[in-house]
Amino acid sequence: MATTEKVSLSLDTGALILARRAAEIEGLSLSAYMSGLVKKYVWASQRPILTADEQALTDERIAALDEQELWNDKEGHRATG
């Protein structure tokens, strides 16, 4: 399972309301939802500066981590964060 670190974030009220609602819809904790957003959007912004080999290796590593997080209990239950 991926390791986690506790941090404190400040979000404007509107963003927090949207994030909580989206997390609820996805069946995730707010923490798990925000982690997913960071992976998705930061990776998308950084990917173009990597070589093709670096992109492929990083894609494989992220997929492996996602698989561990989504199915970490060996019964097909999603991680909650």
C-alpha atoms as a PDB file:
ATOM      1  CA  MET A   1       0.000   0.000   0.000  1.00  0.00           C
ATOM      2  CA  ALA A   2       1.182   3.522  -0.704  1.00  0.00           C
ATOM      3  CA  THR A   3       2.503   5.500   2.219  1.00  0.00           C
ATOM      4  CA  THR A   4       0.742   8.645   3.362  1.00  0.00           C
ATOM      5  CA  GLU A   5       1.765  11.818   5.119  1.00  0.00           C
ATOM      6  CA  LYS A   6      -0.588  14.035   7.081  1.00  0.00           C
ATOM      7  CA  VAL A   7      -0.627  17.646   5.875  1.00  0.00           C
ATOM      8  CA  SER A   8      -2.866  20.635   6.397  1.00  0.00           C
ATOM      9  CA  LEU A   9      -4.351  22.494   3.424  1.00  0.00           C
ATOM     10  CA  SER A  10      -6.397  25.653   3.244  1.00  0.00           C
ATOM     11  CA  LEU A  11      -9.102  25.722   0.570  1.00  0.00           C
ATOM     12  CA  ASP A  12     -11.632  28.384  -0.170  1.00  0.00           C
ATOM     13  CA  THR A  13     -15.128  27.394   0.926  1.00  0.00           C
ATOM     14  CA  GLY A  14     -16.435  26.873  -2.601  1.00  0.00           C
ATOM     15  CA  ALA A  15     -13.561  24.569  -3.552  1.00  0.00           C
ATOM     16  CA  LEU A  16     -13.973  22.582  -0.348  1.00  0.00           C
ATOM     17  CA  ILE A  17     -17.707  22.111  -0.909  1.00  0.00           C
ATOM     18  CA  LEU A  18     -17.065  20.906  -4.460  1.00  0.00           C
ATOM     19  CA  ALA A  19     -14.258  18.577  -3.398  1.00  0.00           C
ATOM     20  CA  ARG A  20     -16.312  17.016  -0.602  1.00  0.00           C
ATOM     21  CA  ARG A  21     -19.270  16.457  -2.932  1.00  0.00           C
ATOM     22  CA  ALA A  22     -17.081  14.965  -5.658  1.00  0.00           C
ATOM     23  CA  ALA A  23     -15.367  12.667  -3.133  1.00  0.00           C
ATOM     24  CA  GLU A  24     -18.767  11.522  -1.883  1.00  0.00           C
ATOM     25  CA  ILE A  25     -19.926  10.772  -5.424  1.00  0.00           C
ATOM     26  CA  GLU A  26     -16.743   8.762  -6.073  1.00  0.00           C
ATOM     27  CA  GLY A  27     -17.123   6.896  -2.786  1.00  0.00           C
ATOM     28  CA  LEU A  28     -13.782   8.167  -1.505  1.00  0.00           C
ATOM     29  CA  SER A  29     -12.586  10.079   1.495  1.00  0.00           C
ATOM     30  CA  LEU A  30     -11.696  13.715   0.898  1.00  0.00           C
ATOM     31  CA  SER A  31      -8.017  12.810   1.354  1.00  0.00           C
ATOM     32  CA  ALA A  32      -8.138  10.021  -1.226  1.00  0.00           C
ATOM     33  CA  TYR A  33     -10.009  12.258  -3.665  1.00  0.00           C
ATOM     34  CA  MET A  34      -7.510  15.105  -3.307  1.00  0.00           C
ATOM     35  CA  SER A  35      -4.590  12.684  -3.724  1.00  0.00           C
ATOM     36  CA  GLY A  36      -6.136  11.473  -6.962  1.00  0.00           C
ATOM     37  CA  LEU A  37      -6.553  15.036  -8.223  1.00  0.00           C
ATOM     38  CA  VAL A  38      -2.925  15.840  -7.542  1.00  0.00           C
ATOM     39  CA  LYS A  39      -1.727  12.714  -9.337  1.00  0.00           C
ATOM     40  CA  LYS A  40      -3.960  13.379 -12.326  1.00  0.00           C
ATOM     41  CA  TYR A  41      -3.409  17.083 -12.836  1.00  0.00           C
ATOM     42  CA  VAL A  42       0.178  17.545 -11.709  1.00  0.00           C
ATOM     43  CA  TRP A  43       1.264  14.536 -13.751  1.00  0.00           C
ATOM     44  CA  ALA A  44      -0.519  15.958 -16.795  1.00  0.00           C
ATOM     45  CA  SER A  45       1.398  19.227 -16.422  1.00  0.00           C
ATOM     46  CA  GLN A  46       4.791  17.549 -15.873  1.00  0.00           C
ATOM     47  CA  ARG A  47       4.531  14.729 -18.403  1.00  0.00           C
ATOM     48  CA  PRO A  48       5.476  16.795 -21.489  1.00  0.00           C
ATOM     49  CA  ILE A  49       8.931  17.630 -20.083  1.00  0.00           C
ATOM     50  CA  LEU A  50       9.959  13.973 -19.674  1.00  0.00           C
ATOM     51  CA  THR A  51      11.591  11.784 -22.306  1.00  0.00           C
ATOM     52  CA  ALA A  52       9.470   9.003 -23.825  1.00  0.00           C
ATOM     53  CA  ASP A  53      11.299   6.401 -21.688  1.00  0.00           C
ATOM     54  CA  GLU A  54      10.767   8.453 -18.516  1.00  0.00           C
ATOM     55  CA  GLN A  55       7.074   8.866 -19.385  1.00  0.00           C
ATOM     56  CA  ALA A  56       6.616   5.124 -19.906  1.00  0.00           C
ATOM     57  CA  LEU A  57       8.414   4.223 -16.663  1.00  0.00           C
ATOM     58  CA  THR A  58       6.450   6.765 -14.648  1.00  0.00           C
ATOM     59  CA  ASP A  59       3.155   5.604 -16.200  1.00  0.00           C
ATOM     60  CA  GLU A  60       3.967   2.036 -15.125  1.00  0.00           C
ATOM     61  CA  ARG A  61       4.858   3.110 -11.587  1.00  0.00           C
ATOM     62  CA  ILE A  62       1.691   5.192 -11.187  1.00  0.00           C
ATOM     63  CA  ALA A  63      -0.456   2.350 -12.527  1.00  0.00           C
ATOM     64  CA  ALA A  64       1.123  -0.055 -10.009  1.00  0.00           C
ATOM     65  CA  LEU A  65       0.490   2.384  -7.135  1.00  0.00           C
ATOM     66  CA  ASP A  66      -3.092   2.950  -8.278  1.00  0.00           C
ATOM     67  CA  GLU A  67      -3.669  -0.799  -8.380  1.00  0.00           C
ATOM     68  CA  GLN A  68      -2.349  -1.152  -4.825  1.00  0.00           C
ATOM     69  CA  GLU A  69      -4.515   1.706  -3.569  1.00  0.00           C
ATOM     70  CA  LEU A  70      -7.700   0.617  -5.323  1.00  0.00           C
ATOM     71  CA  TRP A  71      -7.528  -3.050  -4.412  1.00  0.00           C
ATOM     72  CA  ASN A  72      -5.367  -3.063  -1.310  1.00  0.00           C
ATOM     73  CA  ASP A  73      -7.589  -5.392   0.683  1.00  0.00           C
ATOM     74  CA  LYS A  74      -7.429  -8.214  -1.910  1.00  0.00           C
ATOM     75  CA  GLU A  75     -11.247  -8.298  -1.999  1.00  0.00           C
ATOM     76  CA  GLY A  76     -11.778  -5.580  -4.583  1.00  0.00           C
ATOM     77  CA  HIS A  77     -12.726  -2.794  -2.194  1.00  0.00           C
ATOM     78  CA  ARG A  78     -11.499   0.695  -2.936  1.00  0.00           C
ATOM     79  CA  ALA A  79      -9.131   2.333  -0.496  1.00  0.00           C
ATOM     80  CA  THR A  80     -10.769   5.124   1.450  1.00  0.00           C
ATOM     81  CA  GLY A  81      -7.781   7.288   1.928  1.00  0.00           C
END
